[in-house]
Structure formats: C-alpha cells, structure tokens
Amino acid sequence: MSLFKELDLVCHQLCLELKHEYVQTVLPKPDIDRDKMTIYYMLFRMNEPQQAAGSYTKSVMVAEIGLNTHETMTCEKRTDKELLKQRQLTVLSGDFYSALYYYTLARQSNIELVKWVAQAIQNFNEYKCALFSPHVHFGWQELINEIKKIESALVGKIAHQLGFTHVVPYISDFFLL
C-alpha cells in the first residue's frame, strides 16, 4: 500500500473514532491537521509496522484534537442558552477526546507513549500559562519562540523520544507557519 493510501486509511479511521452523533448536532466536526498526522505517521512508521504506526498516530492525533478543541472555548459571559450549551459541549468534547486518547493507548499497552504524551501535554499547558501570565512580558522574538514551543509541544516530544531530535527544530518552524 502506498504512503498516501496508508495516510488516507488512518485519517478515515480517525474520523470514525471522533464521531459522536450528539456532539455533531451542536459543534462542527473537529479539524484534523493532515500535516501533523503525516509527520506523526512518518515518525512512528520509521520504527513500527503499518498497523501500530497507524494506531499510535490516531491516538496522538486524538490528544492534539482534544487540546485544539479546548482552545476554541470562549471566555466571555454568555446568557443565550444555546451559546452556553455550545461552550459546555466544547469543554466536554475536549475532555472526551482526551479520554479517548488514553483509552486507545491503554488498549495497545504502550505505557511509554502514554507517558510521553502526558509530559508533552504538561509542557503545552505550562507554555500556555507562561504566554498568558500577566507577570511575564515577552519581546517579539521571545513571543514567536513561545508560540513555536506551544504549537510543536506534542509532535516535538514524540520526535525526540523516537530518536529524531535532529528534526525537532524543523518541525517547530514548520508548525509556526
């Protein structure tokens, strides 16, 4: 099977795992970042057979989608019941995707990968907190570097842990775009 067909299969399977009828009546379908999915798949595929690489890619992408879903949550005061319901479902959907990530990895018994992703999510959250802290003031270049760290926290951690540390700067620059 060609790489493009393998990626299409992983994407199709990922879409099926993310599908939740009730959530889809209120929220849009989650976006799948095909670039990140491709990079994850390639990183895993260098060390794993096709099926394992696909499973790991789907799991890590679910974690990414959970983080991205939480990012879309609004903070302003809501009085309209439908908008309030939408915000609540956004939070719950992000939580659902995060739980789904742990569930899919637990089924595969890859405790190391669970640990790596948990560490990356912790770093992601710390970078986000630093970015929005009223006590920290960034210059322009520092701000760009912080955003770069946030955008590549998970994929950079996976690349590093799989032994591809030399590509992390390129991945970070790519996802800054």
Protein backbone atom coordinates (compact mmCIF):
# COMPACT_ATOMS: atom_id res chain seq x y z
CA MET A 1 0.00 0.00 0.00
CA SER A 2 1.32 3.46 -0.85
CA LEU A 3 2.04 6.03 1.84
CA PHE A 4 -0.86 8.19 0.63
CA LYS A 5 -3.28 5.27 0.92
CA GLU A 6 -1.94 4.44 4.38
CA LEU A 7 -2.49 8.05 5.47
CA ASP A 8 -5.99 8.12 3.98
CA LEU A 9 -6.83 4.96 5.89
CA VAL A 10 -5.52 6.41 9.16
CA CYS A 11 -7.49 9.62 8.57
CA HIS A 12 -10.67 7.70 7.78
CA GLN A 13 -10.29 5.57 10.92
CA LEU A 14 -9.59 8.69 12.96
CA CYS A 15 -12.77 10.34 11.67
CA LEU A 16 -14.77 7.28 12.71
CA GLU A 17 -13.28 7.34 16.22
CA LEU A 18 -14.06 11.05 16.61
CA LYS A 19 -17.65 10.69 15.50
CA HIS A 20 -20.24 11.41 18.18
CA GLU A 21 -23.78 12.00 16.95
CA TYR A 22 -24.98 14.36 19.67
CA VAL A 23 -21.85 16.48 19.72
CA GLN A 24 -22.03 16.86 15.94
CA THR A 25 -25.52 18.36 16.22
CA VAL A 26 -24.11 21.28 18.22
CA LEU A 27 -20.42 21.57 17.32
CA PRO A 28 -18.61 21.40 13.99
CA LYS A 29 -16.58 18.32 13.13
CA PRO A 30 -13.13 18.57 14.69
CA ASP A 31 -10.40 19.64 12.32
CA ILE A 32 -7.76 17.05 11.52
CA ASP A 33 -4.39 18.63 10.89
CA ARG A 34 -3.21 16.47 8.00
CA ASP A 35 0.31 17.88 8.23
CA LYS A 36 0.69 16.81 11.86
CA MET A 37 -0.96 13.49 11.14
CA THR A 38 1.52 12.87 8.32
CA ILE A 39 4.51 13.76 10.46
CA TYR A 40 3.32 11.59 13.34
CA TYR A 41 2.71 8.71 10.99
CA MET A 42 6.13 9.05 9.37
CA LEU A 43 7.85 9.22 12.77
CA PHE A 44 6.07 6.13 14.05
CA ARG A 45 6.38 4.29 10.73
CA MET A 46 10.18 4.53 10.88
CA ASN A 47 10.13 2.29 13.97
CA GLU A 48 6.85 0.40 13.79
CA PRO A 49 4.84 -1.75 11.39
CA GLN A 50 1.99 -0.08 9.50
CA GLN A 51 -0.80 -1.12 11.85
CA ALA A 52 1.00 0.01 15.03
CA ALA A 53 2.10 3.28 13.39
CA GLY A 54 -1.49 3.95 12.37
CA SER A 55 -2.84 3.19 15.85
CA TYR A 56 -0.25 5.38 17.56
CA THR A 57 -0.86 8.19 15.08
CA LYS A 58 -4.61 8.09 15.66
CA SER A 59 -4.13 8.12 19.42
CA VAL A 60 -1.77 11.08 19.41
CA MET A 61 -3.97 12.96 16.94
CA VAL A 62 -6.94 12.49 19.28
CA ALA A 63 -4.84 14.12 22.03
CA GLU A 64 -4.00 17.01 19.65
CA ILE A 65 -7.66 17.40 18.75
CA GLY A 66 -8.60 17.44 22.45
CA LEU A 67 -6.13 20.27 23.06
CA ASN A 68 -7.33 22.14 19.98
CA THR A 69 -10.97 21.72 20.98
CA HIS A 70 -10.31 23.27 24.37
CA GLU A 71 -8.59 26.14 22.57
CA THR A 72 -11.85 27.06 20.81
CA MET A 73 -13.72 27.63 24.05
CA THR A 74 -14.89 31.19 24.62
CA CYS A 75 -14.46 33.01 27.92
CA GLU A 76 -16.89 35.88 27.57
CA LYS A 77 -20.09 35.88 29.60
CA ARG A 78 -22.91 34.02 27.87
CA THR A 79 -26.61 34.47 28.56
CA ASP A 80 -28.06 32.77 25.50
CA LYS A 81 -28.85 29.16 26.43
CA GLU A 82 -27.74 27.74 23.07
CA LEU A 83 -24.38 29.53 23.20
CA LEU A 84 -23.88 28.43 26.79
CA LYS A 85 -24.71 24.85 25.79
CA GLN A 86 -22.22 25.11 22.91
CA ARG A 87 -19.45 26.25 25.27
CA GLN A 88 -20.21 23.45 27.73
CA LEU A 89 -20.16 20.90 24.92
CA THR A 90 -16.86 22.31 23.68
CA VAL A 91 -15.28 21.64 27.07
CA LEU A 92 -16.87 18.20 27.34
CA SER A 93 -15.81 17.32 23.79
CA GLY A 94 -12.22 18.25 24.52
CA ASP A 95 -12.40 16.10 27.64
CA PHE A 96 -13.98 13.27 25.64
CA TYR A 97 -11.17 13.39 23.08
CA SER A 98 -8.57 13.40 25.85
CA ALA A 99 -10.19 10.38 27.49
CA LEU A 100 -10.42 8.66 24.11
CA TYR A 101 -6.69 9.17 23.63
CA TYR A 102 -5.90 7.46 26.93
CA TYR A 103 -8.37 4.68 26.17
CA THR A 104 -6.93 3.93 22.73
CA LEU A 105 -3.35 3.86 24.02
CA ALA A 106 -4.28 1.73 27.02
CA ARG A 107 -5.76 -0.86 24.66
CA GLN A 108 -2.37 -1.03 22.93
CA SER A 109 -0.44 -1.35 26.21
CA ASN A 110 2.09 1.29 25.21
CA ILE A 111 2.75 2.88 28.58
CA GLU A 112 5.84 4.73 27.30
CA LEU A 113 3.82 6.57 24.69
CA VAL A 114 1.18 7.48 27.29
CA LYS A 115 3.96 8.92 29.45
CA TRP A 116 5.48 10.89 26.56
CA VAL A 117 2.16 12.42 25.57
CA ALA A 118 1.28 13.24 29.19
CA GLN A 119 4.63 15.01 29.56
CA ALA A 120 4.09 16.88 26.29
CA ILE A 121 0.60 17.98 27.39
CA GLN A 122 2.04 19.18 30.69
CA ASN A 123 4.68 21.19 28.77
CA PHE A 124 1.99 22.54 26.44
CA ASN A 125 -0.05 23.74 29.42
CA GLU A 126 2.99 25.30 31.10
CA TYR A 127 3.95 27.12 27.89
CA LYS A 128 0.38 28.40 27.53
CA CYS A 129 0.31 29.60 31.13
CA ALA A 130 3.61 31.43 30.66
CA LEU A 131 2.33 33.01 27.46
CA PHE A 132 -0.76 34.43 29.16
CA SER A 133 0.77 35.21 32.54
CA PRO A 134 0.38 38.87 33.44
CA HIS A 135 3.75 38.69 35.20
CA VAL A 136 5.72 37.69 32.11
CA HIS A 137 6.39 40.10 29.27
CA PHE A 138 7.84 38.81 26.03
CA GLY A 139 9.68 40.65 23.33
CA TRP A 140 8.70 39.91 19.75
CA GLN A 141 11.26 37.12 19.21
CA GLU A 142 10.53 35.58 22.61
CA LEU A 143 6.82 35.60 21.78
CA ILE A 144 7.46 33.80 18.49
CA ASN A 145 9.59 31.22 20.29
CA GLU A 146 6.88 30.63 22.91
CA ILE A 147 4.24 30.14 20.22
CA LYS A 148 6.58 27.78 18.40
CA LYS A 149 7.01 25.72 21.59
CA ILE A 150 3.24 25.57 22.09
CA GLU A 151 2.44 24.59 18.52
CA SER A 152 5.04 21.82 18.43
CA ALA A 153 4.99 20.61 22.05
CA LEU A 154 3.46 17.23 21.33
CA VAL A 155 4.95 16.45 17.95
CA GLY A 156 8.39 17.64 19.08
CA LYS A 157 8.26 15.42 22.17
CA ILE A 158 7.29 12.39 20.10
CA ALA A 159 10.06 13.07 17.56
CA HIS A 160 12.60 13.47 20.35
CA GLN A 161 11.52 10.31 22.18
CA LEU A 162 11.61 8.27 18.98
CA GLY A 163 15.21 9.34 18.35
CA PHE A 164 14.60 12.06 15.76
CA THR A 165 15.81 15.00 17.86
CA HIS A 166 17.62 16.44 14.84
CA VAL A 167 14.28 17.16 13.06
CA VAL A 168 12.59 18.88 16.03
CA PRO A 169 13.77 22.42 15.06
CA TYR A 170 12.43 21.92 11.52
CA ILE A 171 9.12 20.58 12.82
CA SER A 172 8.84 23.53 15.23
CA ASP A 173 9.49 26.03 12.44
CA PHE A 174 7.02 24.26 10.14
CA PHE A 175 4.16 24.38 12.66
CA LEU A 176 4.82 28.01 13.43
CA LEU A 177 3.50 28.77 9.96
